[in-house]
Protein backbone atom coordinates (compact mmCIF):
# COMPACT_ATOMS: atom_id res chain seq x y z
CA MET A 1 -11.00 -9.26 11.82
CA ASP A 2 -8.53 -12.11 10.80
CA ALA A 3 -8.46 -15.45 12.48
CA LYS A 4 -6.27 -14.06 15.31
CA GLY A 5 -8.73 -11.20 16.05
CA ARG A 6 -6.70 -8.44 14.51
CA GLU A 7 -8.20 -5.57 12.48
CA PRO A 8 -7.27 -5.56 8.84
CA HIS A 9 -4.72 -3.00 7.89
CA VAL A 10 -3.15 -1.55 4.68
CA VAL A 11 0.56 -0.93 4.23
CA VAL A 12 1.30 1.83 1.68
CA LEU A 13 4.82 1.81 0.38
CA ASP A 14 5.84 4.82 -1.78
CA ASN A 15 8.85 6.71 -2.84
CA GLN A 16 8.89 9.45 -0.01
CA LEU A 17 12.12 8.11 1.50
CA ASP A 18 13.97 8.28 -1.87
CA ALA A 19 14.79 12.00 -1.27
CA HIS A 20 16.33 11.22 2.00
CA PHE A 21 18.08 7.94 1.38
CA GLY A 22 18.72 8.11 -2.38
CA HIS A 23 22.44 8.82 -1.75
CA LEU A 24 22.95 5.53 -0.11
CA ASN A 25 24.72 2.82 -2.14
CA GLY A 26 22.17 0.41 -3.56
CA TRP A 27 19.09 2.42 -2.39
CA PHE A 28 17.66 2.30 -5.90
CA GLY A 29 18.68 -1.29 -6.42
CA ASP A 30 15.06 -2.52 -6.02
CA ARG A 31 12.64 -1.92 -8.72
CA HIS A 32 10.04 0.75 -7.99
CA PRO A 33 6.75 0.62 -9.80
CA ASN A 34 6.40 2.99 -12.67
CA LEU A 35 3.33 5.44 -12.82
CA ALA A 36 1.02 2.78 -14.13
CA GLY A 37 2.12 0.53 -11.33
CA TYR A 38 1.22 3.08 -8.78
CA HIS A 39 -2.25 3.41 -10.35
CA VAL A 40 -2.76 -0.35 -10.13
CA ILE A 41 -1.62 -0.37 -6.42
CA ALA A 42 -3.96 2.51 -5.64
CA ASP A 43 -6.88 0.84 -7.47
CA GLU A 44 -6.40 -2.46 -5.62
CA THR A 45 -6.04 -0.67 -2.31
CA ALA A 46 -9.36 1.25 -2.99
CA LYS A 47 -11.22 -2.05 -3.83
CA PHE A 48 -9.87 -3.66 -0.61
CA LEU A 49 -10.90 -0.74 1.61
CA ALA A 50 -14.35 -0.44 -0.11
CA LEU A 51 -15.17 -4.10 0.87
CA ILE A 52 -14.20 -3.35 4.54
CA ILE A 53 -16.20 -0.06 4.54
CA ARG A 54 -19.22 -1.78 3.07
CA GLN A 55 -19.10 -4.70 5.61
CA ARG A 56 -18.83 -2.31 8.55
CA HIS A 57 -21.60 -0.06 7.24
CA ARG A 58 -23.98 -3.05 7.19
CA LYS A 59 -23.61 -3.77 10.91
């Protein structure tokens, strides 16, 4: 838990909404990570979650 007593959480941002909102002006104006970027995001998420899982398993 954090200092305010909240459980940790992970927010995953992906490109699932592109198919729905890609026609909107400026939707692709932000920079999406390339395939290597998605791998880095997934790797860091797995490391973060593994630490939490290990801590909970010890209790």
